[in-house]
Amino acid sequence: DINTYLDLERVDELDNIQKLIDHDNIILETLTDKDIIQSVQPTQNNNEKNEEI
């Protein structure tokens, strides 16, 4: 039945879209983690320099 076939195609497409969204979210989370780490580290370095003086 052509209608059933079309429905299956659509489900497949939705599944792929969901996978793409998940993948993007993972990339976003990874990026934010790195950014947070980078923004925290310079402060630590500044503190060490201040203690040396």
N, C-alpha and C. Protein backbone atom coordinates (compact mmCIF):
# COMPACT_ATOMS: atom_id res chain seq x y z
N ASP A 1 0.86 -1.20 0.00
CA ASP A 1 0.00 0.00 0.00
C ASP A 1 0.90 1.25 0.00
N ILE A 2 0.64 2.14 -0.92
CA ILE A 2 1.50 3.32 -1.08
C ILE A 2 1.48 4.22 0.16
N ASN A 3 0.35 4.32 0.83
CA ASN A 3 0.27 5.18 2.02
C ASN A 3 1.17 4.66 3.14
N THR A 4 1.17 3.38 3.34
CA THR A 4 2.02 2.78 4.36
C THR A 4 3.48 3.06 4.03
N TYR A 5 3.81 2.91 2.78
CA TYR A 5 5.18 3.14 2.34
C TYR A 5 5.60 4.58 2.64
N LEU A 6 4.73 5.52 2.32
CA LEU A 6 5.03 6.94 2.57
C LEU A 6 5.21 7.20 4.06
N ASP A 7 4.38 6.57 4.86
CA ASP A 7 4.49 6.75 6.31
C ASP A 7 5.84 6.25 6.81
N LEU A 8 6.26 5.12 6.31
CA LEU A 8 7.54 4.55 6.73
C LEU A 8 8.69 5.48 6.33
N GLU A 9 8.60 6.02 5.14
CA GLU A 9 9.63 6.96 4.68
C GLU A 9 9.70 8.15 5.64
N ARG A 10 8.56 8.66 6.01
CA ARG A 10 8.51 9.84 6.87
C ARG A 10 9.10 9.52 8.24
N VAL A 11 8.78 8.36 8.77
CA VAL A 11 9.31 7.96 10.08
C VAL A 11 10.84 7.88 10.00
N ASP A 12 11.32 7.33 8.92
CA ASP A 12 12.77 7.22 8.70
C ASP A 12 13.41 8.61 8.69
N GLU A 13 12.79 9.51 7.98
CA GLU A 13 13.30 10.88 7.87
C GLU A 13 13.33 11.55 9.25
N LEU A 14 12.26 11.39 9.98
CA LEU A 14 12.19 11.99 11.32
C LEU A 14 13.28 11.42 12.21
N ASP A 15 13.51 10.14 12.08
CA ASP A 15 14.55 9.49 12.88
C ASP A 15 15.92 10.09 12.57
N ASN A 16 16.18 10.30 11.29
CA ASN A 16 17.45 10.89 10.88
C ASN A 16 17.59 12.31 11.40
N ILE A 17 16.51 13.06 11.34
CA ILE A 17 16.55 14.44 11.85
C ILE A 17 16.86 14.41 13.34
N GLN A 18 16.24 13.51 14.06
CA GLN A 18 16.47 13.41 15.51
C GLN A 18 17.94 13.09 15.79
N LYS A 19 18.51 12.20 14.99
CA LYS A 19 19.92 11.84 15.18
C LYS A 19 20.81 13.06 14.94
N LEU A 20 20.48 13.83 13.91
CA LEU A 20 21.27 15.03 13.62
C LEU A 20 21.19 16.01 14.78
N ILE A 21 19.99 16.19 15.31
CA ILE A 21 19.80 17.11 16.43
C ILE A 21 20.62 16.64 17.62
N ASP A 22 20.56 15.36 17.93
CA ASP A 22 21.33 14.81 19.05
C ASP A 22 22.82 15.07 18.84
N HIS A 23 23.27 14.82 17.63
CA HIS A 23 24.68 15.01 17.30
C HIS A 23 25.09 16.47 17.53
N ASP A 24 24.26 17.39 17.07
CA ASP A 24 24.54 18.82 17.26
C ASP A 24 24.58 19.18 18.73
N ASN A 25 23.68 18.62 19.50
CA ASN A 25 23.65 18.93 20.93
C ASN A 25 24.93 18.46 21.61
N ILE A 26 25.41 17.30 21.21
CA ILE A 26 26.65 16.78 21.79
C ILE A 26 27.80 17.73 21.46
N ILE A 27 27.87 18.17 20.21
CA ILE A 27 28.93 19.10 19.81
C ILE A 27 28.83 20.38 20.62
N LEU A 28 27.63 20.88 20.80
CA LEU A 28 27.43 22.12 21.57
C LEU A 28 27.91 21.94 23.00
N GLU A 29 27.56 20.83 23.61
CA GLU A 29 27.98 20.59 24.99
C GLU A 29 29.50 20.53 25.09
N THR A 30 30.12 19.85 24.15
CA THR A 30 31.57 19.74 24.15
C THR A 30 32.21 21.11 24.02
N LEU A 31 31.68 21.92 23.13
CA LEU A 31 32.22 23.27 22.93
C LEU A 31 32.10 24.10 24.20
N THR A 32 30.95 24.03 24.83
CA THR A 32 30.76 24.84 26.03
C THR A 32 31.75 24.40 27.11
N ASP A 33 31.96 23.13 27.25
CA ASP A 33 32.92 22.62 28.25
C ASP A 33 34.30 23.22 28.00
N LYS A 34 34.76 23.17 26.76
CA LYS A 34 36.09 23.70 26.44
C LYS A 34 36.14 25.19 26.73
N ASP A 35 35.10 25.91 26.35
CA ASP A 35 35.07 27.36 26.58
C ASP A 35 35.14 27.68 28.06
N ILE A 36 34.42 26.92 28.85
CA ILE A 36 34.41 27.15 30.29
C ILE A 36 35.81 26.91 30.84
N ILE A 37 36.43 25.83 30.44
CA ILE A 37 37.77 25.49 30.91
C ILE A 37 38.75 26.60 30.52
N GLN A 38 38.67 27.08 29.29
CA GLN A 38 39.58 28.13 28.83
C GLN A 38 39.35 29.43 29.58
N SER A 39 38.11 29.72 29.90
CA SER A 39 37.84 30.99 30.58
C SER A 39 38.25 30.91 32.05
N VAL A 40 38.31 29.71 32.59
CA VAL A 40 38.68 29.56 34.01
C VAL A 40 40.21 29.58 34.16
N GLN A 41 40.92 28.97 33.25
CA GLN A 41 42.38 28.83 33.37
C GLN A 41 43.15 30.15 33.44
N PRO A 42 42.85 31.12 32.60
CA PRO A 42 43.61 32.37 32.68
C PRO A 42 43.55 32.99 34.08
N THR A 43 42.42 32.86 34.73
CA THR A 43 42.27 33.42 36.08
C THR A 43 43.25 32.72 37.03
N GLN A 44 43.37 31.43 36.92
CA GLN A 44 44.29 30.68 37.79
C GLN A 44 45.72 31.15 37.54
N ASN A 45 46.07 31.34 36.29
CA ASN A 45 47.42 31.79 35.96
C ASN A 45 47.69 33.17 36.56
N ASN A 46 46.72 34.05 36.50
CA ASN A 46 46.88 35.39 37.06
C ASN A 46 47.10 35.31 38.56
N ASN A 47 46.38 34.44 39.20
CA ASN A 47 46.52 34.30 40.65
C ASN A 47 47.92 33.83 41.02
N GLU A 48 48.45 32.90 40.26
CA GLU A 48 49.80 32.39 40.54
C GLU A 48 50.82 33.51 40.40
N LYS A 49 50.69 34.32 39.38
CA LYS A 49 51.64 35.42 39.16
C LYS A 49 51.57 36.39 40.33
N ASN A 50 50.38 36.65 40.81
CA ASN A 50 50.21 37.60 41.91
C ASN A 50 50.88 37.07 43.18
N GLU A 51 50.81 35.77 43.39
CA GLU A 51 51.41 35.20 44.60
C GLU A 51 52.93 35.28 44.55
N GLU A 52 53.50 35.14 43.35
CA GLU A 52 54.97 35.17 43.21
C GLU A 52 55.53 36.53 43.62
N ILE A 53 54.82 37.58 43.29
CA ILE A 53 55.32 38.95 43.51
C ILE A 53 55.41 39.26 45.00
